[in-house]
Protein backbone atom coordinates (compact mmCIF):
# COMPACT_ATOMS: atom_id res chain seq x y z
CA MET A 1 -26.55 -47.06 -28.71
CA ASP A 2 -30.34 -46.77 -28.12
CA ASN A 3 -32.12 -43.65 -26.94
CA ASP A 4 -32.09 -44.72 -23.30
CA GLU A 5 -28.38 -45.34 -23.36
CA GLN A 6 -27.83 -42.07 -25.19
CA LEU A 7 -29.85 -40.19 -22.58
CA LYS A 8 -27.82 -41.80 -19.80
CA HIS A 9 -24.64 -40.93 -21.67
CA LEU A 10 -25.89 -37.37 -22.16
CA LEU A 11 -26.70 -37.13 -18.44
CA GLY A 12 -23.15 -38.13 -17.61
CA ILE A 13 -21.83 -35.47 -19.96
CA ILE A 14 -24.05 -32.86 -18.28
CA LYS A 15 -22.68 -33.74 -14.84
CA ARG A 16 -19.13 -33.50 -16.10
CA LEU A 17 -19.80 -30.23 -17.91
CA VAL A 18 -20.87 -28.74 -14.62
CA ARG A 19 -17.42 -29.69 -13.38
CA SER A 20 -15.87 -28.04 -16.47
CA ASP A 21 -14.59 -31.37 -17.81
CA LYS A 22 -12.77 -30.73 -21.10
CA GLU A 23 -13.25 -34.32 -22.26
CA ALA A 24 -16.98 -33.99 -21.66
CA SER A 25 -17.09 -31.00 -24.01
CA GLU A 26 -15.33 -33.04 -26.70
CA GLU A 27 -17.70 -35.99 -26.22
CA LEU A 28 -20.68 -33.68 -26.46
CA LEU A 29 -19.41 -32.36 -29.78
CA GLU A 30 -18.83 -35.90 -31.04
CA LEU A 31 -22.30 -36.99 -29.89
CA THR A 32 -23.85 -34.11 -31.80
CA ARG A 33 -22.02 -35.12 -34.95
CA GLU A 34 -22.99 -38.79 -34.65
CA SER A 35 -26.69 -38.17 -33.95
CA SER A 36 -28.94 -39.09 -36.88
CA GLU A 37 -32.09 -37.32 -37.94
CA ASP A 38 -34.06 -39.96 -35.98
CA ASP A 39 -32.25 -38.87 -32.85
CA SER A 40 -33.64 -35.36 -33.15
CA VAL A 41 -34.36 -35.06 -29.44
CA ILE A 42 -30.88 -36.21 -28.51
CA ARG A 43 -29.35 -33.97 -31.14
CA GLU A 44 -31.37 -30.97 -30.03
CA LEU A 45 -30.45 -31.53 -26.39
CA ALA A 46 -26.81 -31.98 -27.26
CA GLU A 47 -26.77 -28.82 -29.36
CA GLU A 48 -28.54 -26.89 -26.61
CA LEU A 49 -26.02 -28.09 -24.06
CA GLY A 50 -23.27 -27.12 -26.44
CA MET A 51 -24.67 -23.60 -26.53
CA LEU A 52 -24.90 -23.56 -22.75
CA ASN A 53 -21.32 -24.74 -22.56
CA LEU A 54 -20.26 -21.94 -24.91
CA GLN A 55 -22.20 -19.38 -22.89
CA ARG A 56 -20.56 -20.67 -19.73
CA ASP A 57 -17.13 -20.09 -21.25
CA VAL A 58 -18.16 -16.60 -22.38
CA TYR A 59 -19.46 -15.71 -18.93
CA ALA A 60 -16.35 -17.17 -17.29
CA TYR A 61 -14.17 -15.05 -19.59
CA ARG A 62 -16.23 -11.95 -18.85
CA LEU A 63 -16.05 -12.61 -15.11
CA GLU A 64 -12.30 -13.16 -15.28
CA THR A 65 -11.90 -9.94 -17.28
CA MET A 66 -14.02 -8.01 -14.77
CA ILE A 67 -11.95 -9.32 -11.87
CA GLU A 68 -8.70 -8.44 -13.64
CA ASP A 69 -10.03 -4.94 -14.37
CA LEU A 70 -11.04 -4.49 -10.73
CA LEU A 71 -7.62 -5.66 -9.52
CA HIS A 72 -5.90 -3.32 -11.98
CA ALA A 73 -8.06 -0.39 -10.84
CA GLN A 74 -7.28 -1.18 -7.19
CA ARG A 75 -3.55 -1.28 -7.94
CA GLU A 76 -3.81 2.12 -9.64
CA ILE A 77 -5.61 3.53 -6.60
CA ASP A 78 -2.97 2.12 -4.25
CA GLU A 79 -0.16 3.48 -6.41
CA ALA A 80 -1.79 6.91 -6.50
CA ARG A 81 -1.96 7.00 -2.70
CA HIS A 82 1.41 5.47 -1.86
CA ASP A 83 5.01 6.35 -2.59
CA PRO A 84 6.20 3.87 -5.25
CA LEU A 85 9.77 3.73 -3.87
CA THR A 86 9.13 3.11 -0.18
CA GLY A 87 5.52 1.94 -0.21
CA LEU A 88 4.66 4.54 2.44
CA PRO A 89 1.56 6.72 2.36
CA ASN A 90 2.24 9.75 0.15
CA ARG A 91 1.43 13.41 0.74
CA THR A 92 -2.22 13.00 -0.31
CA ILE A 93 -3.05 10.21 2.10
CA PHE A 94 -0.91 11.80 4.83
CA HIS A 95 -3.12 14.91 4.81
CA GLU A 96 -6.21 12.70 5.00
CA LEU A 97 -4.77 10.80 7.98
CA LEU A 98 -3.71 14.02 9.70
CA ASP A 99 -7.19 15.50 9.28
CA GLN A 100 -8.69 12.32 10.76
CA ALA A 101 -6.28 12.43 13.69
CA VAL A 102 -7.22 16.06 14.42
CA GLN A 103 -10.94 15.27 14.26
CA THR A 104 -10.72 12.29 16.62
CA ALA A 105 -8.14 13.66 19.09
CA SER A 106 -8.95 15.33 22.38
CA SER A 107 -7.20 16.82 25.38
CA LEU A 108 -7.35 13.36 26.95
CA ASN A 109 -6.07 11.66 23.81
CA PRO A 110 -3.48 13.96 22.20
CA PHE A 111 -1.08 13.05 19.44
CA ALA A 112 2.13 14.46 18.00
CA LEU A 113 3.33 15.22 14.50
CA MET A 114 6.99 14.71 13.72
CA PHE A 115 8.59 16.26 10.66
CA VAL A 116 11.74 14.35 9.66
CA ASP A 117 14.20 15.72 7.11
CA LEU A 118 17.28 13.71 6.12
CA ASP A 119 20.50 15.67 6.52
CA LYS A 120 23.15 15.58 3.78
CA PHE A 121 20.85 13.55 1.52
CA LYS A 122 21.38 15.85 -1.46
CA GLN A 123 25.15 15.55 -1.05
CA VAL A 124 24.97 11.73 -1.13
CA ASN A 125 22.52 11.80 -4.02
CA ASP A 126 24.75 14.12 -6.06
CA THR A 127 27.97 12.27 -5.23
CA LEU A 128 26.95 8.61 -5.48
CA GLY A 129 24.00 8.94 -7.85
CA HIS A 130 20.22 8.60 -7.73
CA ASP A 131 20.32 4.83 -7.23
CA ALA A 132 22.31 5.36 -4.05
CA GLY A 133 19.82 8.03 -3.03
CA ASP A 134 16.98 5.55 -3.50
CA GLU A 135 18.83 3.02 -1.36
CA ILE A 136 19.23 5.63 1.38
CA LEU A 137 15.51 6.39 1.32
CA LYS A 138 14.59 2.71 1.58
CA ILE A 139 17.04 2.12 4.44
CA ALA A 140 15.82 5.22 6.27
CA THR A 141 12.24 4.05 5.86
CA GLN A 142 12.97 0.66 7.43
CA ARG A 143 14.89 2.23 10.31
CA MET A 144 12.07 4.64 11.09
CA LEU A 145 9.45 1.90 10.87
CA SER A 146 11.52 -0.10 13.38
CA SER A 147 11.62 2.89 15.74
CA ILE A 148 7.94 3.85 15.85
CA LYS A 149 5.01 2.03 17.42
CA SER A 150 2.56 -0.08 15.44
CA GLN A 151 -0.22 2.52 15.86
CA ASP A 152 1.98 5.34 14.54
CA THR A 153 1.92 6.32 10.86
CA LEU A 154 5.02 7.07 8.78
CA SER A 155 4.55 8.91 5.47
CA ARG A 156 6.87 10.22 2.77
CA ILE A 157 5.68 13.65 1.70
CA GLY A 158 8.65 14.83 -0.38
CA GLY A 159 12.09 13.91 -1.68
CA ASP A 160 13.83 13.42 1.68
CA GLU A 161 10.95 14.57 3.89
CA PHE A 162 8.93 12.25 6.11
CA THR A 163 6.23 12.73 8.70
CA ILE A 164 5.17 10.61 11.64
CA ILE A 165 1.78 10.79 13.33
CA ALA A 166 2.61 9.53 16.83
CA ARG A 167 -0.38 8.33 18.83
CA ASP A 168 -0.97 7.17 22.42
CA ILE A 169 1.60 9.53 23.88
CA GLU A 170 2.27 8.78 27.54
CA SER A 171 4.49 11.78 28.29
CA ARG A 172 6.83 14.34 26.80
CA ASP A 173 9.74 12.13 27.83
CA ASP A 174 8.19 9.24 25.91
CA LEU A 175 7.95 11.42 22.81
CA ALA A 176 11.49 12.74 23.28
CA GLY A 177 12.74 9.16 23.49
CA LEU A 178 11.10 8.35 20.17
CA ALA A 179 12.60 11.43 18.54
CA GLN A 180 16.06 10.54 19.81
CA ARG A 181 15.74 6.94 18.57
CA LEU A 182 14.89 8.28 15.12
CA VAL A 183 17.91 10.60 15.12
CA ASP A 184 20.27 7.87 16.36
CA SER A 185 19.08 5.25 13.87
CA LEU A 186 19.29 7.62 10.90
CA CYS A 187 22.81 8.71 11.82
CA ASP A 188 24.19 5.18 11.50
CA PRO A 189 26.18 4.58 8.28
CA CYS A 190 24.35 2.94 5.37
CA GLN A 191 25.94 0.14 3.38
CA LEU A 192 25.17 0.88 -0.26
CA LYS A 193 26.13 -0.81 -3.51
CA ALA A 194 28.25 2.22 -4.38
CA GLY A 195 29.90 2.32 -0.96
CA ASN A 196 29.12 3.40 2.58
CA ALA A 197 27.37 6.70 3.24
CA SER A 198 26.05 8.58 6.25
CA VAL A 199 23.22 11.05 6.34
CA GLY A 200 21.43 11.88 9.58
CA ALA A 201 18.17 13.63 10.37
CA SER A 202 16.66 16.76 11.83
CA VAL A 203 13.31 16.23 13.56
CA GLY A 204 10.66 18.78 14.47
CA VAL A 205 7.89 17.91 16.92
CA SER A 206 4.49 19.58 17.28
CA LEU A 207 1.72 18.44 19.64
CA PHE A 208 -2.02 18.55 19.19
CA PRO A 209 -3.85 20.33 20.72
CA ASN A 210 -1.11 22.06 22.74
CA ASP A 211 0.76 23.61 19.80
CA ALA A 212 -2.03 23.99 17.23
CA ASN A 213 -5.76 23.49 16.75
CA SER A 214 -5.74 22.57 13.07
CA ALA A 215 -3.90 20.16 10.79
CA ILE A 216 -2.35 22.96 8.73
CA ALA A 217 -1.00 24.79 11.79
CA LEU A 218 0.30 21.55 13.28
CA LEU A 219 2.26 20.72 10.13
CA LYS A 220 3.60 24.27 9.88
CA ASN A 221 4.78 24.22 13.49
CA ALA A 222 6.48 20.83 13.11
CA ASP A 223 8.23 22.20 10.01
CA ILE A 224 9.41 25.26 11.96
CA ALA A 225 10.75 23.05 14.74
CA MET A 226 12.57 20.86 12.20
CA TYR A 227 14.33 23.87 10.66
CA GLU A 228 15.32 25.01 14.13
CA ALA A 229 16.97 21.62 14.65
CA LYS A 230 18.91 22.14 11.40
CA GLU A 231 19.97 25.62 12.46
CA ARG A 232 21.30 24.24 15.74
CA GLY A 233 23.66 21.83 13.97
CA ARG A 234 21.43 19.03 12.57
CA ASN A 235 21.19 15.42 13.80
CA GLN A 236 18.86 16.43 16.61
CA TYR A 237 15.21 17.12 17.43
CA ARG A 238 13.35 20.17 18.62
CA PHE A 239 9.90 20.66 20.15
CA PHE A 240 7.87 23.55 18.80
CA MET A 241 6.66 24.41 22.31
CA ASP A 242 10.26 25.13 23.34
CA LEU A 243 10.59 27.75 20.60
CA VAL A 244 7.70 29.89 21.83
CA LYS A 245 8.54 29.98 25.52
C-alpha cells in the first residue's frame, strides 16, 4: 500500500471514527502497528488520531457520568419534595404551593383549602398491619385524585392527613359538592390483600380570603373545621365559616 492509498485509507478511518465505528478504531491501531519508519507521516497521523479517539472516549465517559449525576441529583430533589408512598407533594412543597396560592389569589379569584383526615385509619393499620395501611393510603390517594379537578392540588402532609388546594371555585355549592364526593368515595370499602377494610374521612374547608388572610391562618381554620366534622360523627365535611356564625 503506497502513501496515497494509505492516506485514502486513513481518511476513511477518520470518517468512520466520527461515527464511532469500533472496527475503524481497530483498523487504526493495526495501521499504526504496520507503519514503517519510512511512513513517519502516516504513523504520526495515525497515532494522533488514536489519541483523539481516546480523548473522545474519555470525554464521552465524563459526559455520561455528568448526565447520570444530574439525573441522580434530580431524583433526590424530587424524592425530598414528594411523598415516596403516594407520589404526592409532601408537607414542604404543600406550604410552598399554599403560599403561592395566597399571593396570587384575590377577592375575584378565591380558592379553598380542604383538610382531609382518614377516619379509622389507625384501627385498620393496627389490625391488618402496615402493608394494609399503605394500601389504604394509595387507594385513598387515587380516589381523591379522581374527585378533584385538574387544576386542584392534592398533598399528603402527614400519616393519614391530606390537603387539597381547590381553585376556580364557582360557588359554595360547587365546593360542597366536591367535599361530599371526597367523603363518599373514601367511605367505600377497600379491597386489600389482607381482606376488605373501610375507613372514611372527615373534611374541613376554609376559604381564602373569606376565612383567613394568611396561609398559616387558612390551614389552622381548615384543621379546626376538620376536627369539628370528627366531633359531629365523622364521615362528613364542615365549613369553617359555619363555625363562627
